[in-house]
């Protein structure tokens, strides 16, 4: 019996151990705590039916989000919903639509930008003076051998890339330092602005970059009626030796193409083209170009040339006699020349017809405004202006709120710059700026190359190196 009893004890011990190992005996087991759930980060999207449109087009704007408790629109998007859609009318420029969504998992920002090309206005003067932009940085060029390439008078702004933003075109000068060497032509460069700095994009727009020896003015206008900005480079050539031997040169016409590039062709005249302006002077729907050719006055001819546009980018020289004889300057001294250093086509009296401002240069008669008759003729004088110093060099003009603001340089005072405010009723002027001399000197950059424009109630220079901010 003893053996049987001990056998029972042995198996009882094993059973007890088994119960203990399986949690028997009433003891509780520990259950791991699950990790806390992490909220999903919200998403946000803004979608446009098109990223590029024309002025006046209807564009759909759609926005959506996930895992967001609230969304707020900003810039051009006005919403407080997490999803939705609306329609907008495309306006010139770049329009940004921004959506900021917030949820338990954080926040998310989404943006979309609509690009609408800036319109080309009716005259080159309007295209130059209605920019509404602060002065911009200009590119710099490296001098090589005996030549100094610079961004001087041949500068203009326009939406050449058709992105809804202003870009820059520069027709460079390459003045020879050594007068015994011929002047090579400069080049045409296009730039877009990135972080305020000009970035060269010429290769995307222009293959033939042939420019001029001395581009005096770059006009922006729509010469082929495709709604895009075209260019006319008004050039006057080298100036070595006696004035009577200055040869002049061919201006250049730069026309927009259907594929977004530009084509470069010479203009159908050779001239010492100093002043130039573009507009539809005969109201046929095509842009014309009026230039002042100072060489012709030395031959006893009219110093003004009218290039009638055909609306396709072509031009023909119109007959003379479209300017009153008492306003067309004739040669008075073979050592000098007559003509207008600056011409501007502007509707001064608000009758819907383009009038003509003739801004004279050194040793010449008074500047004046001639009334346009809508057929391309300028026969009657609206106002003759008070003459300034005898050696002034007129450079640029802005017409605003009934006054004409003229930027000039004094040759005898190292190109000292002035701005005169002319009254169109009395013809008299007030000197509102009597400023800096050549900047920093003639060999690099001169006040002779300054163009002005209105911006936030002041007159400013195109070039940010000039600290003009003259209240108007």
Protein backbone atom coordinates (compact mmCIF):
# COMPACT_ATOMS: atom_id res chain seq x y z
CA UNK A 1 0.00 0.00 0.00
CA UNK A 2 2.94 2.22 0.65
CA UNK A 3 4.01 2.07 -2.97
CA UNK A 4 0.58 2.97 -4.13
CA UNK A 5 0.40 5.98 -1.84
CA UNK A 6 3.71 7.38 -2.95
CA UNK A 7 2.70 6.98 -6.57
CA UNK A 8 -0.39 9.07 -5.91
CA UNK A 9 1.66 11.82 -4.28
CA UNK A 10 4.00 11.93 -7.27
CA UNK A 11 1.26 12.44 -9.81
CA UNK A 12 -0.53 14.96 -7.59
CA UNK A 13 2.59 17.10 -7.49
CA UNK A 14 2.84 17.02 -11.26
CA UNK A 15 -0.83 18.06 -11.58
CA UNK A 16 -0.30 20.95 -9.18
CA UNK A 17 2.67 22.20 -11.15
CA UNK A 18 0.67 21.99 -14.36
CA UNK A 19 -2.13 24.08 -12.90
CA UNK A 20 0.35 26.65 -11.69
CA UNK A 21 2.01 26.91 -15.11
CA UNK A 22 -1.37 27.40 -16.82
CA UNK A 23 -2.39 30.21 -14.51
CA UNK A 24 -4.29 28.10 -12.20
CA UNK A 25 -4.64 28.70 -8.58
CA UNK A 26 -6.58 32.00 -9.21
CA UNK A 27 -3.54 34.27 -10.26
CA UNK A 28 -4.28 37.17 -12.94
CA UNK A 29 -2.33 37.57 -16.26
CA UNK A 30 -0.94 41.07 -17.51
CA UNK A 31 -2.29 42.26 -20.99
CA UNK A 32 0.02 44.73 -23.01
CA UNK A 33 -1.45 48.24 -23.59
CA UNK A 34 -1.92 48.90 -27.35
CA UNK A 35 0.05 51.90 -28.76
CA UNK A 36 -1.92 55.18 -29.19
CA UNK A 37 -3.34 55.76 -32.69
CA UNK A 38 -1.51 58.52 -34.77
CA UNK A 39 -3.79 60.90 -36.69
CA UNK A 40 -3.27 61.03 -40.45
CA UNK A 41 -1.71 64.18 -41.86
CA UNK A 42 -4.23 66.17 -43.89
CA UNK A 43 -3.94 66.55 -47.64
CA UNK A 44 -4.85 69.56 -49.75
CA UNK A 45 -5.05 70.11 -53.51
CA UNK A 46 -5.94 73.05 -55.75
CA UNK A 47 -6.57 72.27 -59.42
CA UNK A 48 -7.16 74.62 -62.36
CA UNK A 49 -8.92 73.67 -65.56
CA UNK A 50 -5.96 75.28 -67.33
CA UNK A 51 -2.72 76.81 -66.08
CA UNK A 52 -2.53 79.33 -68.92
CA UNK A 53 -5.42 81.34 -70.32
CA UNK A 54 -6.27 84.50 -72.21
CA UNK A 55 -7.72 87.61 -70.64
CA UNK A 56 -11.45 87.15 -70.11
CA UNK A 57 -11.45 83.34 -70.27
CA UNK A 58 -13.44 81.39 -67.68
CA UNK A 59 -11.23 79.12 -65.58
CA UNK A 60 -12.50 76.49 -63.10
CA UNK A 61 -10.82 76.25 -59.70
CA UNK A 62 -11.36 73.05 -57.69
CA UNK A 63 -10.06 72.26 -54.21
CA UNK A 64 -10.16 69.13 -52.06
CA UNK A 65 -8.71 67.78 -48.82
CA UNK A 66 -8.65 64.65 -46.67
CA UNK A 67 -8.26 64.24 -42.90
CA UNK A 68 -8.77 67.98 -42.46
CA UNK A 69 -11.15 69.58 -40.02
CA UNK A 70 -10.92 73.03 -41.63
CA UNK A 71 -9.51 74.75 -44.71
CA UNK A 72 -8.97 78.43 -45.49
CA UNK A 73 -8.32 79.95 -48.91
CA UNK A 74 -5.95 82.85 -49.49
CA UNK A 75 -4.48 84.92 -52.33
CA UNK A 76 -7.17 84.69 -55.06
CA UNK A 77 -9.03 81.75 -53.49
CA UNK A 78 -11.80 82.76 -51.11
CA UNK A 79 -13.16 79.76 -49.20
CA UNK A 80 -13.60 78.27 -45.72
CA UNK A 81 -14.68 74.81 -46.89
CA UNK A 82 -12.65 71.61 -47.15
CA UNK A 83 -13.70 71.04 -50.75
CA UNK A 84 -15.46 72.91 -53.50
CA UNK A 85 -15.25 74.54 -56.90
CA UNK A 86 -15.67 77.98 -58.40
CA UNK A 87 -15.13 79.80 -61.69
CA UNK A 88 -12.94 82.87 -62.18
CA UNK A 89 -12.43 85.26 -65.07
CA UNK A 90 -8.82 85.30 -66.21
CA UNK A 91 -7.06 88.62 -65.66
CA UNK A 92 -3.63 89.65 -66.99
CA UNK A 93 -0.67 88.57 -64.90
CA UNK A 94 -0.04 85.64 -62.60
CA UNK A 95 -2.88 84.78 -60.21
CA UNK A 96 -2.12 82.51 -57.26
CA UNK A 97 -4.72 80.33 -55.52
CA UNK A 98 -3.72 79.01 -52.07
CA UNK A 99 -5.49 76.55 -49.75
CA UNK A 100 -4.36 75.86 -46.16
CA UNK A 101 -5.95 72.82 -44.47
CA UNK A 102 -5.63 71.82 -40.79
CA UNK A 103 -6.47 68.59 -38.98
CA UNK A 104 -5.46 66.51 -35.99
CA UNK A 105 -2.40 65.37 -37.92
CA UNK A 106 -1.05 68.85 -38.74
CA UNK A 107 -1.55 71.22 -41.68
CA UNK A 108 -0.99 71.25 -45.43
CA UNK A 109 -0.69 74.10 -47.98
CA UNK A 110 -1.50 73.72 -51.66
CA UNK A 111 -1.13 76.33 -54.41
CA UNK A 112 -1.88 76.69 -58.10
CA UNK A 113 -0.94 79.59 -60.40
CA UNK A 114 -2.83 80.85 -63.43
CA UNK A 115 -0.68 82.61 -66.05
CA UNK A 116 -2.39 85.14 -68.35
CA UNK A 117 -0.11 87.04 -70.79
CA UNK A 118 0.10 90.77 -70.22
CA UNK A 119 -1.69 92.79 -72.92
CA UNK A 120 0.18 94.78 -75.54
CA UNK A 121 -1.03 98.36 -75.42
CA UNK A 122 -1.82 100.64 -78.36
CA UNK A 123 1.42 102.63 -78.50
CA UNK A 124 5.06 102.10 -77.69
CA UNK A 125 4.85 104.96 -75.18
CA UNK A 126 2.02 103.27 -73.28
CA UNK A 127 3.90 99.97 -73.32
CA UNK A 128 6.91 101.75 -71.84
CA UNK A 129 5.14 103.96 -69.29
CA UNK A 130 2.31 101.74 -67.99
CA UNK A 131 4.51 99.02 -66.52
CA UNK A 132 3.62 99.66 -62.86
CA UNK A 133 6.88 98.12 -61.69
CA UNK A 134 9.71 99.12 -59.42
CA UNK A 135 13.17 99.66 -60.96
CA UNK A 136 14.83 96.40 -61.94
CA UNK A 137 18.35 95.06 -61.96
CA UNK A 138 20.10 95.21 -65.30
CA UNK A 139 22.55 92.59 -66.58
CA UNK A 140 26.24 93.33 -66.74
CA UNK A 141 28.61 92.45 -69.56
CA UNK A 142 32.32 91.75 -69.68
CA UNK A 143 34.51 93.98 -71.82
CA UNK A 144 36.75 92.17 -74.27
CA UNK A 145 39.65 93.47 -76.34
CA UNK A 146 38.99 97.07 -77.35
CA UNK A 147 35.22 96.90 -77.02
CA UNK A 148 32.90 97.66 -74.17
CA UNK A 149 29.52 95.91 -74.35
CA UNK A 150 26.88 97.47 -72.16
CA UNK A 151 23.14 97.61 -71.48
CA UNK A 152 22.66 101.25 -72.32
CA UNK A 153 19.78 102.86 -74.19
CA UNK A 154 18.53 99.66 -75.80
CA UNK A 155 16.37 98.34 -72.97
CA UNK A 156 12.65 97.58 -72.76
CA UNK A 157 10.19 95.47 -70.78
CA UNK A 158 7.35 93.26 -71.98
CA UNK A 159 5.79 89.85 -71.52
CA UNK A 160 8.04 88.24 -74.12
CA UNK A 161 7.74 84.78 -72.55
CA UNK A 162 3.92 85.06 -72.34
CA UNK A 163 3.92 84.03 -68.68
CA UNK A 164 2.00 86.98 -67.25
CA UNK A 165 5.22 88.56 -65.97
CA UNK A 166 7.49 91.31 -67.23
CA UNK A 167 10.68 90.16 -68.85
CA UNK A 168 13.54 92.25 -70.22
CA UNK A 169 15.09 92.73 -73.63
CA UNK A 170 18.48 94.37 -74.04
CA UNK A 171 20.04 95.47 -77.32
CA UNK A 172 23.62 96.03 -76.27
CA UNK A 173 26.06 98.71 -77.35
CA UNK A 174 29.60 97.73 -78.27
CA UNK A 175 31.40 101.04 -78.41
CA UNK A 176 34.94 100.84 -79.64
CA UNK A 177 37.48 102.32 -77.27
CA UNK A 178 39.91 102.69 -80.16
CA UNK A 179 38.45 104.99 -82.86
CA UNK A 180 40.74 103.42 -85.48
CA UNK A 181 38.86 100.14 -85.15
CA UNK A 182 35.40 99.60 -86.61
CA UNK A 183 32.44 99.24 -84.32
CA UNK A 184 30.97 95.75 -84.26
CA UNK A 185 27.24 95.37 -83.77
CA UNK A 186 25.87 94.55 -80.38
CA UNK A 187 23.56 91.63 -79.60
CA UNK A 188 19.95 91.15 -78.55
CA UNK A 189 19.39 89.39 -75.22
CA UNK A 190 16.17 88.33 -73.48
CA UNK A 191 15.97 87.89 -69.71
CA UNK A 192 13.43 86.69 -67.18
CA UNK A 193 13.62 87.73 -63.55
CA UNK A 194 14.21 85.14 -60.83
CA UNK A 195 14.51 86.40 -57.25
CA UNK A 196 14.95 89.89 -58.67
CA UNK A 197 17.90 88.97 -60.88
CA UNK A 198 17.92 88.85 -64.70
CA UNK A 199 18.47 85.33 -66.08
CA UNK A 200 19.33 84.96 -69.77
CA UNK A 201 16.67 83.08 -71.76
CA UNK A 202 17.70 84.27 -75.23
CA UNK A 203 18.26 80.76 -76.56
CA UNK A 204 14.59 79.88 -76.01
CA UNK A 205 13.32 82.90 -77.96
CA UNK A 206 15.80 84.08 -80.57
CA UNK A 207 18.28 82.38 -82.90
CA UNK A 208 19.62 85.41 -84.80
CA UNK A 209 20.77 87.83 -82.09
CA UNK A 210 22.19 90.46 -84.46
CA UNK A 211 21.70 93.90 -82.99
CA UNK A 212 23.00 97.38 -83.78
CA UNK A 213 26.17 99.35 -83.28
CA UNK A 214 24.27 101.95 -81.29
CA UNK A 215 20.65 101.12 -80.36
CA UNK A 216 19.11 104.33 -79.10
CA UNK A 217 15.59 103.16 -78.32
CA UNK A 218 13.74 99.83 -78.24
CA UNK A 219 10.04 100.15 -79.01
CA UNK A 220 7.53 97.54 -77.84
CA UNK A 221 4.32 97.22 -79.90
CA UNK A 222 2.26 94.59 -81.73
CA UNK A 223 3.37 94.95 -85.35
CA UNK A 224 1.86 91.71 -86.71
CA UNK A 225 -1.48 91.81 -84.84
CA UNK A 226 -1.06 88.52 -82.99
CA UNK A 227 -1.50 90.00 -79.52
CA UNK A 228 2.16 89.48 -78.57
CA UNK A 229 4.85 92.15 -78.08
CA UNK A 230 7.17 92.84 -81.02
CA UNK A 231 10.25 95.08 -81.10
CA UNK A 232 11.73 97.87 -83.18
CA UNK A 233 15.36 98.77 -82.48
CA UNK A 234 15.93 102.42 -83.35
CA UNK A 235 19.67 102.69 -84.05
CA UNK A 236 22.02 105.42 -85.18
CA UNK A 237 25.39 103.78 -85.80
CA UNK A 238 28.95 104.81 -85.00
CA UNK A 239 29.82 108.40 -84.13
CA UNK A 240 33.54 108.64 -84.86
CA UNK A 241 34.90 111.51 -86.90
CA UNK A 242 33.05 114.61 -88.14
CA UNK A 243 29.30 114.55 -87.69
CA UNK A 244 28.77 114.86 -91.42
CA UNK A 245 30.50 111.50 -91.91
CA UNK A 246 28.44 109.49 -89.45
CA UNK A 247 27.05 106.69 -91.62
CA UNK A 248 23.99 105.61 -89.66
CA UNK A 249 22.79 102.00 -89.80
CA UNK A 250 19.77 99.78 -90.34
CA UNK A 251 17.35 99.42 -87.44
CA UNK A 252 16.09 95.94 -86.55
CA UNK A 253 12.55 94.52 -86.36
CA UNK A 254 11.97 91.57 -84.02
CA UNK A 255 8.65 89.80 -84.69
CA UNK A 256 6.85 87.21 -82.56
CA UNK A 257 6.21 83.83 -84.20
CA UNK A 258 3.36 81.30 -83.73
CA UNK A 259 5.69 78.88 -81.90
CA UNK A 260 6.58 81.46 -79.25
CA UNK A 261 9.98 82.41 -80.68
CA UNK A 262 11.06 85.64 -82.39
CA UNK A 263 12.38 86.43 -85.87
CA UNK A 264 15.01 89.11 -86.44
CA UNK A 265 15.01 91.13 -89.68
CA UNK A 266 16.53 94.48 -90.75
CA UNK A 267 14.22 97.46 -91.20
CA UNK A 268 13.76 98.87 -94.73
CA UNK A 269 15.77 102.06 -94.06
CA UNK A 270 19.28 103.15 -93.15
CA UNK A 271 19.33 106.13 -90.83
CA UNK A 272 20.77 107.96 -87.87
CA UNK A 273 17.58 107.06 -86.01
CA UNK A 274 17.70 108.71 -82.62
CA UNK A 275 14.08 109.25 -81.66
CA UNK A 276 11.31 106.76 -82.48
CA UNK A 277 7.74 105.99 -81.46
CA UNK A 278 5.07 103.54 -82.60
CA UNK A 279 1.28 103.75 -82.85
CA UNK A 280 -1.60 103.60 -85.32
CA UNK A 281 -1.40 107.14 -86.68
CA UNK A 282 -3.79 106.63 -89.61
CA UNK A 283 -6.36 104.47 -87.77
CA UNK A 284 -6.20 101.54 -90.18
CA UNK A 285 -5.74 99.02 -87.36
CA UNK A 286 -2.01 98.57 -87.98
CA UNK A 287 0.87 99.97 -85.95
CA UNK A 288 3.10 102.52 -87.69
CA UNK A 289 6.56 103.73 -86.69
CA UNK A 290 7.78 107.33 -86.76
CA UNK A 291 11.53 107.91 -86.51
CA UNK A 292 13.76 110.95 -86.45
CA UNK A 293 16.66 110.54 -88.88
CA UNK A 294 19.16 113.27 -88.07
CA UNK A 295 21.26 112.38 -91.13
CA UNK A 296 18.52 113.45 -93.53
CA UNK A 297 18.40 116.96 -92.15
CA UNK A 298 22.03 117.39 -93.18
CA UNK A 299 20.96 116.73 -96.75
CA UNK A 300 18.23 119.37 -96.56
CA UNK A 301 15.49 116.73 -96.35
CA UNK A 302 12.84 116.17 -93.71
CA UNK A 303 14.40 114.57 -90.68
CA UNK A 304 11.26 112.52 -89.98
CA UNK A 305 10.46 109.16 -91.52
CA UNK A 306 7.08 107.44 -91.32
CA UNK A 307 7.07 103.67 -91.71
CA UNK A 308 3.52 102.53 -92.44
CA UNK A 309 2.76 99.09 -91.04
CA UNK A 310 0.84 96.44 -92.98
CA UNK A 311 -0.34 94.57 -89.86
CA UNK A 312 1.80 91.56 -90.74
CA UNK A 313 5.11 92.93 -89.53
CA UNK A 314 6.04 94.60 -92.81
CA UNK A 315 6.69 98.33 -93.32
CA UNK A 316 7.01 100.78 -96.19
CA UNK A 317 8.37 104.30 -96.09
CA UNK A 318 5.54 106.80 -96.53
CA UNK A 319 5.91 110.02 -98.55
CA UNK A 320 7.16 113.08 -96.71
CA UNK A 321 5.01 116.11 -95.95
CA UNK A 322 3.14 114.64 -93.00
CA UNK A 323 4.65 117.18 -90.57
CA UNK A 324 4.10 120.94 -90.67
CA UNK A 325 7.01 122.68 -92.36
CA UNK A 326 7.51 125.11 -89.47
CA UNK A 327 8.02 122.14 -87.15
CA UNK A 328 10.32 120.16 -89.42
CA UNK A 329 13.83 121.31 -88.70
CA UNK A 330 16.16 122.07 -91.58
CA UNK A 331 19.92 122.17 -91.49
CA UNK A 332 21.33 125.43 -90.20
CA UNK A 333 24.99 124.50 -89.79
CA UNK A 334 26.86 121.73 -91.59
CA UNK A 335 28.82 121.05 -88.40
CA UNK A 336 25.66 120.02 -86.60
CA UNK A 337 22.36 118.38 -87.34
CA UNK A 338 18.72 119.01 -86.65
CA UNK A 339 15.83 116.75 -85.86
CA UNK A 340 14.22 115.46 -82.69
CA UNK A 341 16.22 113.53 -80.15
CA UNK A 342 12.99 112.10 -78.79
CA UNK A 343 9.59 111.65 -80.46
CA UNK A 344 6.50 110.33 -78.70
CA UNK A 345 3.08 109.41 -80.13
CA UNK A 346 0.56 110.26 -77.40
CA UNK A 347 -3.07 111.42 -77.32
CA UNK A 348 -2.43 114.66 -75.45
CA UNK A 349 -5.85 116.31 -75.80
CA UNK A 350 -8.04 113.24 -75.29
CA UNK A 351 -9.74 113.26 -78.71
CA UNK A 352 -8.76 109.66 -79.50
CA UNK A 353 -6.16 110.69 -82.09
CA UNK A 354 -2.42 110.31 -81.64
CA UNK A 355 -0.50 113.56 -81.38
CA UNK A 356 3.25 113.99 -81.73
CA UNK A 357 5.74 115.33 -79.21
CA UNK A 358 8.97 116.54 -80.77
CA UNK A 359 11.75 116.72 -78.21
CA UNK A 360 14.67 118.63 -79.59
CA UNK A 361 18.35 118.21 -78.85
CA UNK A 362 21.41 120.39 -78.73
CA UNK A 363 21.31 123.84 -80.33
CA UNK A 364 17.82 123.33 -81.72
CA UNK A 365 14.50 125.10 -81.61
CA UNK A 366 11.80 124.69 -79.00
CA UNK A 367 10.15 121.33 -78.33
CA UNK A 368 6.49 121.19 -79.21
CA UNK A 369 3.37 119.06 -79.58
CA UNK A 370 1.74 118.70 -82.98
CA UNK A 371 -1.91 117.67 -83.24
CA UNK A 372 -2.65 114.49 -85.18
CA UNK A 373 -5.57 114.50 -87.62
CA UNK A 374 -6.09 110.72 -87.68
CA UNK A 375 -4.76 110.33 -91.24
CA UNK A 376 -1.10 110.27 -90.28
CA UNK A 377 -0.53 114.01 -90.63
CA UNK A 378 0.64 116.44 -87.92
CA UNK A 379 0.12 119.95 -89.23
CA UNK A 380 -1.01 122.13 -86.32
CA UNK A 381 0.76 123.00 -83.09
CA UNK A 382 -1.00 122.30 -79.80
CA UNK A 383 1.70 123.93 -77.67
CA UNK A 384 5.29 125.14 -78.01
CA UNK A 385 7.30 124.60 -74.87
CA UNK A 386 9.69 126.86 -73.07
CA UNK A 387 13.23 126.04 -74.13
CA UNK A 388 15.79 124.89 -71.60
CA UNK A 389 19.58 125.32 -71.71
CA UNK A 390 21.02 125.42 -75.21
CA UNK A 391 23.05 122.23 -74.82
CA UNK A 392 20.51 119.88 -73.30
CA UNK A 393 20.10 116.34 -74.58
CA UNK A 394 16.49 115.18 -74.27
CA UNK A 395 16.24 111.50 -73.39
CA UNK A 396 12.74 110.43 -72.34
CA UNK A 397 9.21 111.71 -71.66
CA UNK A 398 6.20 110.65 -69.56
CA UNK A 399 2.69 112.13 -69.98
CA UNK A 400 0.63 111.87 -66.81
CA UNK A 401 -2.37 113.76 -65.39
CA UNK A 402 -2.12 116.53 -67.96
CA UNK A 403 1.61 117.20 -67.51
CA UNK A 404 4.60 116.16 -69.58
CA UNK A 405 7.66 115.08 -67.61
CA UNK A 406 10.88 115.22 -69.60
CA UNK A 407 14.20 113.67 -68.64
CA UNK A 408 17.21 115.57 -70.02
CA UNK A 409 20.97 115.71 -69.70
CA UNK A 410 23.26 118.73 -69.82
CA UNK A 411 26.18 117.99 -72.10
CA UNK A 412 28.30 120.85 -70.75
CA UNK A 413 27.97 119.59 -67.18
CA UNK A 414 29.13 115.98 -67.56
CA UNK A 415 25.66 114.75 -68.48
CA UNK A 416 24.03 116.13 -65.39
CA UNK A 417 20.43 114.87 -65.29
CA UNK A 418 17.26 116.92 -64.91
CA UNK A 419 13.52 116.28 -64.94
CA UNK A 420 11.26 119.08 -66.14
CA UNK A 421 7.52 119.23 -65.59
CA UNK A 422 5.86 120.96 -68.55
CA UNK A 423 2.44 122.61 -68.37
CA UNK A 424 0.51 121.94 -71.59
CA UNK A 425 -1.49 125.16 -71.19
CA UNK A 426 1.30 127.67 -70.65
CA UNK A 427 4.15 125.69 -72.21
CA UNK A 428 6.39 126.56 -69.28
CA UNK A 429 8.27 124.08 -67.14
CA UNK A 430 9.19 123.57 -63.51
CA UNK A 431 12.47 121.90 -62.66
CA UNK A 432 11.52 119.09 -60.27
CA UNK A 433 14.84 117.23 -60.29
CA UNK A 434 18.35 118.60 -60.71
CA UNK A 435 20.42 115.55 -60.03
CA UNK A 436 23.47 113.41 -60.47
CA UNK A 437 26.11 113.65 -63.12
CA UNK A 438 27.23 110.74 -65.29
CA UNK A 439 27.00 107.45 -63.41
CA UNK A 440 29.59 106.40 -62.56
CA UNK A 441 31.41 107.70 -65.65
CA UNK A 442 30.97 107.83 -69.38
CA UNK A 443 32.98 104.68 -70.13
CA UNK A 444 30.70 102.39 -68.11
CA UNK A 445 27.25 103.89 -67.75
CA UNK A 446 25.89 107.36 -68.22
CA UNK A 447 22.82 109.29 -67.17
CA UNK A 448 22.38 109.72 -70.91
CA UNK A 449 21.01 106.15 -70.87
CA UNK A 450 18.30 106.65 -68.24
CA UNK A 451 14.64 106.04 -68.97
CA UNK A 452 11.92 106.97 -66.50
CA UNK A 453 8.45 105.63 -65.65
CA UNK A 454 5.74 106.33 -63.07
CA UNK A 455 5.52 104.03 -60.05
CA UNK A 456 3.52 104.60 -56.85
CA UNK A 457 3.25 108.34 -57.23
CA UNK A 458 6.88 108.88 -58.20
CA UNK A 459 9.05 108.89 -61.29
CA UNK A 460 11.64 106.13 -61.13
CA UNK A 461 14.35 104.87 -63.45
CA UNK A 462 14.11 101.54 -65.26
CA UNK A 463 17.52 100.64 -63.84
CA UNK A 464 17.73 100.01 -60.08
CA UNK A 465 21.27 101.43 -60.03
CA UNK A 466 19.68 104.89 -60.26
CA UNK A 467 18.01 105.92 -57.03
CA UNK A 468 15.38 108.18 -58.62
CA UNK A 469 12.10 108.52 -56.75
CA UNK A 470 10.78 111.94 -57.76
CA UNK A 471 7.27 112.75 -56.42
CA UNK A 472 4.74 113.70 -59.07
